[in-house]
């Protein structure tokens, strides 16, 4: 969800962002039972 925050700030500021992926969400959330299909 912080990707949404970053996209909004990038548009308002005209500033690039680097996205650091440490887990493959939302697939991990599905696997752990936090989300359903």
ModelCIF file with pLDDT and N, C-alpha, C, O atoms, coordinates in Angstrom:
data_MODEL
#
_entry.id   MODEL 
#
_entity.id                         1 
_entity.type                       polymer 
_entity.pdbx_number_of_molecules   1 
#
_entity_poly.entity_id                      1 
_entity_poly.type                           'polypeptide(L)' 
_entity_poly.nstd_linkage                   no 
_entity_poly.nstd_monomer                   no 
_entity_poly.pdbx_seq_one_letter_code       
;(UNK)(UNK)(UNK)(UNK)(UNK)(UNK)(UNK)(UNK)(UNK)(UNK)(UNK)(UNK)(UNK)(UNK)(UNK)(UNK)
(UNK)(UNK)(UNK)(UNK)(UNK)(UNK)(UNK)(UNK)(UNK)(UNK)(UNK)(UNK)(UNK)(UNK)(UNK)(UNK)
(UNK)(UNK)(UNK)(UNK)(UNK)
;
_entity_poly.pdbx_seq_one_letter_code_can   XXXXXXXXXXXXXXXXXXXXXXXXXXXXXXXXXXXXX 
_entity_poly.pdbx_strand_id                 A 
#
loop_
_entity_poly_seq.entity_id 
_entity_poly_seq.num 
_entity_poly_seq.mon_id 
_entity_poly_seq.hetero 
1 1  UNK n 
1 2  UNK n 
1 3  UNK n 
1 4  UNK n 
1 5  UNK n 
1 6  UNK n 
1 7  UNK n 
1 8  UNK n 
1 9  UNK n 
1 10 UNK n 
1 11 UNK n 
1 12 UNK n 
1 13 UNK n 
1 14 UNK n 
1 15 UNK n 
1 16 UNK n 
1 17 UNK n 
1 18 UNK n 
1 19 UNK n 
1 20 UNK n 
1 21 UNK n 
1 22 UNK n 
1 23 UNK n 
1 24 UNK n 
1 25 UNK n 
1 26 UNK n 
1 27 UNK n 
1 28 UNK n 
1 29 UNK n 
1 30 UNK n 
1 31 UNK n 
1 32 UNK n 
1 33 UNK n 
1 34 UNK n 
1 35 UNK n 
1 36 UNK n 
1 37 UNK n 
#
_struct_asym.id          A 
_struct_asym.entity_id   1 
#
loop_
_ma_qa_metric.id 
_ma_qa_metric.mode 
_ma_qa_metric.name 
_ma_qa_metric.software_group_id 
_ma_qa_metric.type 
1 global pLDDT . pLDDT 
2 local  pLDDT . pLDDT 
#
_ma_qa_metric_global.metric_id      1 
_ma_qa_metric_global.metric_value   84.49 
_ma_qa_metric_global.model_id       1 
_ma_qa_metric_global.ordinal_id     1 
#
loop_
_ma_qa_metric_local.label_asym_id 
_ma_qa_metric_local.label_comp_id 
_ma_qa_metric_local.label_seq_id 
_ma_qa_metric_local.metric_id 
_ma_qa_metric_local.metric_value 
_ma_qa_metric_local.model_id 
_ma_qa_metric_local.ordinal_id 
A UNK 1  2 91.00 1 1  
A UNK 2  2 95.00 1 2  
A UNK 3  2 95.00 1 3  
A UNK 4  2 94.00 1 4  
A UNK 5  2 96.00 1 5  
A UNK 6  2 97.00 1 6  
A UNK 7  2 96.00 1 7  
A UNK 8  2 96.00 1 8  
A UNK 9  2 97.00 1 9  
A UNK 10 2 96.00 1 10 
A UNK 11 2 96.00 1 11 
A UNK 12 2 95.00 1 12 
A UNK 13 2 96.00 1 13 
A UNK 14 2 95.00 1 14 
A UNK 15 2 95.00 1 15 
A UNK 16 2 97.00 1 16 
A UNK 17 2 97.00 1 17 
A UNK 18 2 97.00 1 18 
A UNK 19 2 97.00 1 19 
A UNK 20 2 96.00 1 20 
A UNK 21 2 93.00 1 21 
A UNK 22 2 88.00 1 22 
A UNK 23 2 82.00 1 23 
A UNK 24 2 81.00 1 24 
A UNK 25 2 74.00 1 25 
A UNK 26 2 70.00 1 26 
A UNK 27 2 69.00 1 27 
A UNK 28 2 68.00 1 28 
A UNK 29 2 67.00 1 29 
A UNK 30 2 63.00 1 30 
A UNK 31 2 63.00 1 31 
A UNK 32 2 63.00 1 32 
A UNK 33 2 63.00 1 33 
A UNK 34 2 65.00 1 34 
A UNK 35 2 62.00 1 35 
A UNK 36 2 65.00 1 36 
A UNK 37 2 76.00 1 37 
#
loop_
_atom_site.group_PDB 
_atom_site.id 
_atom_site.type_symbol 
_atom_site.label_atom_id 
_atom_site.label_alt_id 
_atom_site.label_comp_id 
_atom_site.label_asym_id 
_atom_site.label_entity_id 
_atom_site.label_seq_id 
_atom_site.pdbx_PDB_ins_code 
_atom_site.Cartn_x 
_atom_site.Cartn_y 
_atom_site.Cartn_z 
_atom_site.occupancy 
_atom_site.B_iso_or_equiv 
_atom_site.pdbx_formal_charge 
_atom_site.auth_seq_id 
_atom_site.auth_comp_id 
_atom_site.auth_asym_id 
_atom_site.auth_atom_id 
_atom_site.pdbx_PDB_model_num 
ATOM 1   N N  . UNK A 1 1  ? 0.809   -1.221  0.000  1.00 91.00 ? 1  UNK A N  1 
ATOM 2   C CA . UNK A 1 1  ? 0.000   0.000   0.000  1.00 91.00 ? 1  UNK A CA 1 
ATOM 3   C C  . UNK A 1 1  ? 0.841   1.269   0.000  1.00 91.00 ? 1  UNK A C  1 
ATOM 4   O O  . UNK A 1 1  ? 0.372   2.315   -0.449 1.00 91.00 ? 1  UNK A O  1 
ATOM 5   N N  . UNK A 1 2  ? 2.086   1.199   0.499  1.00 95.00 ? 2  UNK A N  1 
ATOM 6   C CA . UNK A 1 2  ? 2.933   2.391   0.474  1.00 95.00 ? 2  UNK A CA 1 
ATOM 7   C C  . UNK A 1 2  ? 3.307   2.774   -0.954 1.00 95.00 ? 2  UNK A C  1 
ATOM 8   O O  . UNK A 1 2  ? 3.756   3.893   -1.203 1.00 95.00 ? 2  UNK A O  1 
ATOM 9   N N  . UNK A 1 3  ? 3.122   1.847   -1.891 1.00 95.00 ? 3  UNK A N  1 
ATOM 10  C CA . UNK A 1 3  ? 3.310   2.209   -3.288 1.00 95.00 ? 3  UNK A CA 1 
ATOM 11  C C  . UNK A 1 3  ? 2.316   3.263   -3.731 1.00 95.00 ? 3  UNK A C  1 
ATOM 12  O O  . UNK A 1 3  ? 2.651   4.124   -4.544 1.00 95.00 ? 3  UNK A O  1 
ATOM 13  N N  . UNK A 1 4  ? 1.079   3.212   -3.202 1.00 94.00 ? 4  UNK A N  1 
ATOM 14  C CA . UNK A 1 4  ? 0.066   4.238   -3.511 1.00 94.00 ? 4  UNK A CA 1 
ATOM 15  C C  . UNK A 1 4  ? 0.519   5.586   -2.974 1.00 94.00 ? 4  UNK A C  1 
ATOM 16  O O  . UNK A 1 4  ? 0.423   6.603   -3.661 1.00 94.00 ? 4  UNK A O  1 
ATOM 17  N N  . UNK A 1 5  ? 1.019   5.586   -1.725 1.00 96.00 ? 5  UNK A N  1 
ATOM 18  C CA . UNK A 1 5  ? 1.528   6.821   -1.122 1.00 96.00 ? 5  UNK A CA 1 
ATOM 19  C C  . UNK A 1 5  ? 2.650   7.398   -1.975 1.00 96.00 ? 5  UNK A C  1 
ATOM 20  O O  . UNK A 1 5  ? 2.689   8.602   -2.229 1.00 96.00 ? 5  UNK A O  1 
ATOM 21  N N  . UNK A 1 6  ? 3.551   6.543   -2.411 1.00 97.00 ? 6  UNK A N  1 
ATOM 22  C CA . UNK A 1 6  ? 4.684   7.001   -3.203 1.00 97.00 ? 6  UNK A CA 1 
ATOM 23  C C  . UNK A 1 6  ? 4.239   7.555   -4.553 1.00 97.00 ? 6  UNK A C  1 
ATOM 24  O O  . UNK A 1 6  ? 4.759   8.572   -5.010 1.00 97.00 ? 6  UNK A O  1 
ATOM 25  N N  . UNK A 1 7  ? 3.273   6.883   -5.194 1.00 96.00 ? 7  UNK A N  1 
ATOM 26  C CA . UNK A 1 7  ? 2.791   7.367   -6.490 1.00 96.00 ? 7  UNK A CA 1 
ATOM 27  C C  . UNK A 1 7  ? 2.137   8.741   -6.352 1.00 96.00 ? 7  UNK A C  1 
ATOM 28  O O  . UNK A 1 7  ? 2.328   9.618   -7.195 1.00 96.00 ? 7  UNK A O  1 
ATOM 29  N N  . UNK A 1 8  ? 1.359   8.918   -5.273 1.00 96.00 ? 8  UNK A N  1 
ATOM 30  C CA . UNK A 1 8  ? 0.708   10.218  -5.065 1.00 96.00 ? 8  UNK A CA 1 
ATOM 31  C C  . UNK A 1 8  ? 1.739   11.311  -4.811 1.00 96.00 ? 8  UNK A C  1 
ATOM 32  O O  . UNK A 1 8  ? 1.659   12.395  -5.388 1.00 96.00 ? 8  UNK A O  1 
ATOM 33  N N  . UNK A 1 9  ? 2.709   11.017  -3.943 1.00 97.00 ? 9  UNK A N  1 
ATOM 34  C CA . UNK A 1 9  ? 3.745   12.008  -3.647 1.00 97.00 ? 9  UNK A CA 1 
ATOM 35  C C  . UNK A 1 9  ? 4.588   12.306  -4.881 1.00 97.00 ? 9  UNK A C  1 
ATOM 36  O O  . UNK A 1 9  ? 4.965   13.455  -5.112 1.00 97.00 ? 9  UNK A O  1 
ATOM 37  N N  . UNK A 1 10 ? 4.886   11.279  -5.675 1.00 96.00 ? 10 UNK A N  1 
ATOM 38  C CA . UNK A 1 10 ? 5.687   11.476  -6.883 1.00 96.00 ? 10 UNK A CA 1 
ATOM 39  C C  . UNK A 1 10 ? 4.982   12.402  -7.866 1.00 96.00 ? 10 UNK A C  1 
ATOM 40  O O  . UNK A 1 10 ? 5.621   13.219  -8.530 1.00 96.00 ? 10 UNK A O  1 
ATOM 41  N N  . UNK A 1 11 ? 3.667   12.271  -7.954 1.00 96.00 ? 11 UNK A N  1 
ATOM 42  C CA . UNK A 1 11 ? 2.913   13.122  -8.873 1.00 96.00 ? 11 UNK A CA 1 
ATOM 43  C C  . UNK A 1 11 ? 2.860   14.558  -8.368 1.00 96.00 ? 11 UNK A C  1 
ATOM 44  O O  . UNK A 1 11 ? 3.018   15.497  -9.149 1.00 96.00 ? 11 UNK A O  1 
ATOM 45  N N  . UNK A 1 12 ? 2.638   14.734  -7.069 1.00 95.00 ? 12 UNK A N  1 
ATOM 46  C CA . UNK A 1 12 ? 2.539   16.082  -6.497 1.00 95.00 ? 12 UNK A CA 1 
ATOM 47  C C  . UNK A 1 12 ? 3.888   16.786  -6.489 1.00 95.00 ? 12 UNK A C  1 
ATOM 48  O O  . UNK A 1 12 ? 3.972   17.987  -6.750 1.00 95.00 ? 12 UNK A O  1 
ATOM 49  N N  . UNK A 1 13 ? 4.920   16.049  -6.195 1.00 96.00 ? 13 UNK A N  1 
ATOM 50  C CA . UNK A 1 13 ? 6.263   16.624  -6.088 1.00 96.00 ? 13 UNK A CA 1 
ATOM 51  C C  . UNK A 1 13 ? 7.038   16.585  -7.411 1.00 96.00 ? 13 UNK A C  1 
ATOM 52  O O  . UNK A 1 13 ? 8.037   17.286  -7.573 1.00 96.00 ? 13 UNK A O  1 
ATOM 53  N N  . UNK A 1 14 ? 6.558   15.745  -8.371 1.00 95.00 ? 14 UNK A N  1 
ATOM 54  C CA . UNK A 1 14 ? 7.331   15.478  -9.579 1.00 95.00 ? 14 UNK A CA 1 
ATOM 55  C C  . UNK A 1 14 ? 8.716   14.955  -9.196 1.00 95.00 ? 14 UNK A C  1 
ATOM 56  O O  . UNK A 1 14 ? 9.751   15.469  -9.620 1.00 95.00 ? 14 UNK A O  1 
ATOM 57  N N  . UNK A 1 15 ? 8.680   13.922  -8.385 1.00 95.00 ? 15 UNK A N  1 
ATOM 58  C CA . UNK A 1 15 ? 9.883   13.364  -7.782 1.00 95.00 ? 15 UNK A CA 1 
ATOM 59  C C  . UNK A 1 15 ? 9.872   11.854  -7.999 1.00 95.00 ? 15 UNK A C  1 
ATOM 60  O O  . UNK A 1 15 ? 8.838   11.232  -7.754 1.00 95.00 ? 15 UNK A O  1 
ATOM 61  N N  . UNK A 1 16 ? 10.953  11.233  -8.441 1.00 97.00 ? 16 UNK A N  1 
ATOM 62  C CA . UNK A 1 16 ? 10.968  9.785   -8.675 1.00 97.00 ? 16 UNK A CA 1 
ATOM 63  C C  . UNK A 1 16 ? 11.012  8.992   -7.364 1.00 97.00 ? 16 UNK A C  1 
ATOM 64  O O  . UNK A 1 16 ? 11.445  9.496   -6.328 1.00 97.00 ? 16 UNK A O  1 
ATOM 65  N N  . UNK A 1 17 ? 10.555  7.751   -7.438 1.00 97.00 ? 17 UNK A N  1 
ATOM 66  C CA . UNK A 1 17 ? 10.689  6.884   -6.270 1.00 97.00 ? 17 UNK A CA 1 
ATOM 67  C C  . UNK A 1 17 ? 11.246  5.528   -6.676 1.00 97.00 ? 17 UNK A C  1 
ATOM 68  O O  . UNK A 1 17 ? 11.006  5.035   -7.778 1.00 97.00 ? 17 UNK A O  1 
ATOM 69  N N  . UNK A 1 18 ? 11.994  4.943   -5.752 1.00 97.00 ? 18 UNK A N  1 
ATOM 70  C CA . UNK A 1 18 ? 12.571  3.615   -5.901 1.00 97.00 ? 18 UNK A CA 1 
ATOM 71  C C  . UNK A 1 18 ? 11.781  2.685   -4.998 1.00 97.00 ? 18 UNK A C  1 
ATOM 72  O O  . UNK A 1 18 ? 11.602  2.964   -3.812 1.00 97.00 ? 18 UNK A O  1 
ATOM 73  N N  . UNK A 1 19 ? 11.313  1.588   -5.556 1.00 97.00 ? 19 UNK A N  1 
ATOM 74  C CA . UNK A 1 19 ? 10.467  0.648   -4.811 1.00 97.00 ? 19 UNK A CA 1 
ATOM 75  C C  . UNK A 1 19 ? 11.307  -0.569  -4.440 1.00 97.00 ? 19 UNK A C  1 
ATOM 76  O O  . UNK A 1 19 ? 11.811  -1.276  -5.313 1.00 97.00 ? 19 UNK A O  1 
ATOM 77  N N  . UNK A 1 20 ? 11.454  -0.808  -3.134 1.00 96.00 ? 20 UNK A N  1 
ATOM 78  C CA . UNK A 1 20 ? 12.324  -1.863  -2.618 1.00 96.00 ? 20 UNK A CA 1 
ATOM 79  C C  . UNK A 1 20 ? 11.448  -3.053  -2.217 1.00 96.00 ? 20 UNK A C  1 
ATOM 80  O O  . UNK A 1 20 ? 10.782  -3.019  -1.183 1.00 96.00 ? 20 UNK A O  1 
ATOM 81  N N  . UNK A 1 21 ? 11.455  -4.088  -3.032 1.00 93.00 ? 21 UNK A N  1 
ATOM 82  C CA . UNK A 1 21 ? 10.573  -5.250  -2.835 1.00 93.00 ? 21 UNK A CA 1 
ATOM 83  C C  . UNK A 1 21 ? 11.275  -6.281  -1.954 1.00 93.00 ? 21 UNK A C  1 
ATOM 84  O O  . UNK A 1 21 ? 12.311  -6.829  -2.331 1.00 93.00 ? 21 UNK A O  1 
ATOM 85  N N  . UNK A 1 22 ? 10.698  -6.540  -0.774 1.00 88.00 ? 22 UNK A N  1 
ATOM 86  C CA . UNK A 1 22 ? 11.250  -7.530  0.134  1.00 88.00 ? 22 UNK A CA 1 
ATOM 87  C C  . UNK A 1 22 ? 10.351  -8.743  0.304  1.00 88.00 ? 22 UNK A C  1 
ATOM 88  O O  . UNK A 1 22 ? 10.797  -9.777  0.802  1.00 88.00 ? 22 UNK A O  1 
ATOM 89  N N  . UNK A 1 23 ? 9.107   -8.633  -0.096 1.00 82.00 ? 23 UNK A N  1 
ATOM 90  C CA . UNK A 1 23 ? 8.174   -9.764  -0.139 1.00 82.00 ? 23 UNK A CA 1 
ATOM 91  C C  . UNK A 1 23 ? 7.244   -9.549  -1.316 1.00 82.00 ? 23 UNK A C  1 
ATOM 92  O O  . UNK A 1 23 ? 6.926   -8.411  -1.662 1.00 82.00 ? 23 UNK A O  1 
ATOM 93  N N  . UNK A 1 24 ? 6.809   -10.631 -1.929 1.00 81.00 ? 24 UNK A N  1 
ATOM 94  C CA . UNK A 1 24 ? 5.981   -10.544 -3.135 1.00 81.00 ? 24 UNK A CA 1 
ATOM 95  C C  . UNK A 1 24 ? 4.506   -10.423 -2.776 1.00 81.00 ? 24 UNK A C  1 
ATOM 96  O O  . UNK A 1 24 ? 3.731   -11.359 -2.972 1.00 81.00 ? 24 UNK A O  1 
ATOM 97  N N  . UNK A 1 25 ? 4.126   -9.271  -2.251 1.00 74.00 ? 25 UNK A N  1 
ATOM 98  C CA . UNK A 1 25 ? 2.717   -9.028  -1.976 1.00 74.00 ? 25 UNK A CA 1 
ATOM 99  C C  . UNK A 1 25 ? 2.038   -8.593  -3.277 1.00 74.00 ? 25 UNK A C  1 
ATOM 100 O O  . UNK A 1 25 ? 2.653   -7.899  -4.086 1.00 74.00 ? 25 UNK A O  1 
ATOM 101 N N  . UNK A 1 26 ? 0.770   -8.995  -3.491 1.00 70.00 ? 26 UNK A N  1 
ATOM 102 C CA . UNK A 1 26 ? -0.149  -9.641  -2.541 1.00 70.00 ? 26 UNK A CA 1 
ATOM 103 C C  . UNK A 1 26 ? -0.109  -11.163 -2.521 1.00 70.00 ? 26 UNK A C  1 
ATOM 104 O O  . UNK A 1 26 ? -0.896  -11.778 -1.801 1.00 70.00 ? 26 UNK A O  1 
ATOM 105 N N  . UNK A 1 27 ? 0.786   -11.795 -3.292 1.00 69.00 ? 27 UNK A N  1 
ATOM 106 C CA . UNK A 1 27 ? 0.758   -13.258 -3.330 1.00 69.00 ? 27 UNK A CA 1 
ATOM 107 C C  . UNK A 1 27 ? 1.092   -13.879 -1.981 1.00 69.00 ? 27 UNK A C  1 
ATOM 108 O O  . UNK A 1 27 ? 0.515   -14.901 -1.609 1.00 69.00 ? 27 UNK A O  1 
ATOM 109 N N  . UNK A 1 28 ? 2.022   -13.268 -1.242 1.00 68.00 ? 28 UNK A N  1 
ATOM 110 C CA . UNK A 1 28 ? 2.342   -13.778 0.084  1.00 68.00 ? 28 UNK A CA 1 
ATOM 111 C C  . UNK A 1 28 ? 1.140   -13.644 1.008  1.00 68.00 ? 28 UNK A C  1 
ATOM 112 O O  . UNK A 1 28 ? 0.877   -14.533 1.818  1.00 68.00 ? 28 UNK A O  1 
ATOM 113 N N  . UNK A 1 29 ? 0.412   -12.543 0.893  1.00 67.00 ? 29 UNK A N  1 
ATOM 114 C CA . UNK A 1 29 ? -0.787  -12.348 1.718  1.00 67.00 ? 29 UNK A CA 1 
ATOM 115 C C  . UNK A 1 29 ? -1.824  -13.425 1.433  1.00 67.00 ? 29 UNK A C  1 
ATOM 116 O O  . UNK A 1 29 ? -2.504  -13.894 2.346  1.00 67.00 ? 29 UNK A O  1 
ATOM 117 N N  . UNK A 1 30 ? -1.947  -13.815 0.174  1.00 63.00 ? 30 UNK A N  1 
ATOM 118 C CA . UNK A 1 30 ? -2.874  -14.881 -0.193 1.00 63.00 ? 30 UNK A CA 1 
ATOM 119 C C  . UNK A 1 30 ? -2.417  -16.204 0.415  1.00 63.00 ? 30 UNK A C  1 
ATOM 120 O O  . UNK A 1 30 ? -3.228  -16.948 0.966  1.00 63.00 ? 30 UNK A O  1 
ATOM 121 N N  . UNK A 1 31 ? -1.132  -16.496 0.319  1.00 63.00 ? 31 UNK A N  1 
ATOM 122 C CA . UNK A 1 31 ? -0.586  -17.738 0.847  1.00 63.00 ? 31 UNK A CA 1 
ATOM 123 C C  . UNK A 1 31 ? -0.743  -17.831 2.362  1.00 63.00 ? 31 UNK A C  1 
ATOM 124 O O  . UNK A 1 31 ? -1.047  -18.901 2.890  1.00 63.00 ? 31 UNK A O  1 
ATOM 125 N N  . UNK A 1 32 ? -0.538  -16.712 3.067  1.00 63.00 ? 32 UNK A N  1 
ATOM 126 C CA . UNK A 1 32 ? -0.617  -16.729 4.527  1.00 63.00 ? 32 UNK A CA 1 
ATOM 127 C C  . UNK A 1 32 ? -2.043  -16.640 5.054  1.00 63.00 ? 32 UNK A C  1 
ATOM 128 O O  . UNK A 1 32 ? -2.267  -16.737 6.261  1.00 63.00 ? 32 UNK A O  1 
ATOM 129 N N  . UNK A 1 33 ? -3.003  -16.458 4.162  1.00 63.00 ? 33 UNK A N  1 
ATOM 130 C CA . UNK A 1 33 ? -4.394  -16.432 4.589  1.00 63.00 ? 33 UNK A CA 1 
ATOM 131 C C  . UNK A 1 33 ? -4.920  -15.070 4.964  1.00 63.00 ? 33 UNK A C  1 
ATOM 132 O O  . UNK A 1 33 ? -6.035  -14.961 5.475  1.00 63.00 ? 33 UNK A O  1 
ATOM 133 N N  . UNK A 1 34 ? -4.137  -14.010 4.722  1.00 65.00 ? 34 UNK A N  1 
ATOM 134 C CA . UNK A 1 34 ? -4.621  -12.659 5.009  1.00 65.00 ? 34 UNK A CA 1 
ATOM 135 C C  . UNK A 1 34 ? -5.626  -12.190 3.959  1.00 65.00 ? 34 UNK A C  1 
ATOM 136 O O  . UNK A 1 34 ? -6.457  -11.321 4.224  1.00 65.00 ? 34 UNK A O  1 
ATOM 137 N N  . UNK A 1 35 ? -5.538  -12.780 2.761  1.00 62.00 ? 35 UNK A N  1 
ATOM 138 C CA . UNK A 1 35 ? -6.459  -12.420 1.695  1.00 62.00 ? 35 UNK A CA 1 
ATOM 139 C C  . UNK A 1 35 ? -7.000  -13.699 1.072  1.00 62.00 ? 35 UNK A C  1 
ATOM 140 O O  . UNK A 1 35 ? -6.401  -14.767 1.198  1.00 62.00 ? 35 UNK A O  1 
ATOM 141 N N  . UNK A 1 36 ? -8.133  -13.579 0.403  1.00 65.00 ? 36 UNK A N  1 
ATOM 142 C CA . UNK A 1 36 ? -8.724  -14.696 -0.324 1.00 65.00 ? 36 UNK A CA 1 
ATOM 143 C C  . UNK A 1 36 ? -8.877  -14.296 -1.792 1.00 65.00 ? 36 UNK A C  1 
ATOM 144 O O  . UNK A 1 36 ? -8.931  -13.113 -2.127 1.00 65.00 ? 36 UNK A O  1 
ATOM 145 N N  . UNK A 1 37 ? -8.944  -15.296 -2.647 1.00 76.00 ? 37 UNK A N  1 
ATOM 146 C CA . UNK A 1 37 ? -9.201  -15.016 -4.061 1.00 76.00 ? 37 UNK A CA 1 
ATOM 147 C C  . UNK A 1 37 ? -10.505 -14.237 -4.195 1.00 76.00 ? 37 UNK A C  1 
ATOM 148 O O  . UNK A 1 37 ? -10.910 -13.898 -5.307 1.00 76.00 ? 37 UNK A O  1 
#
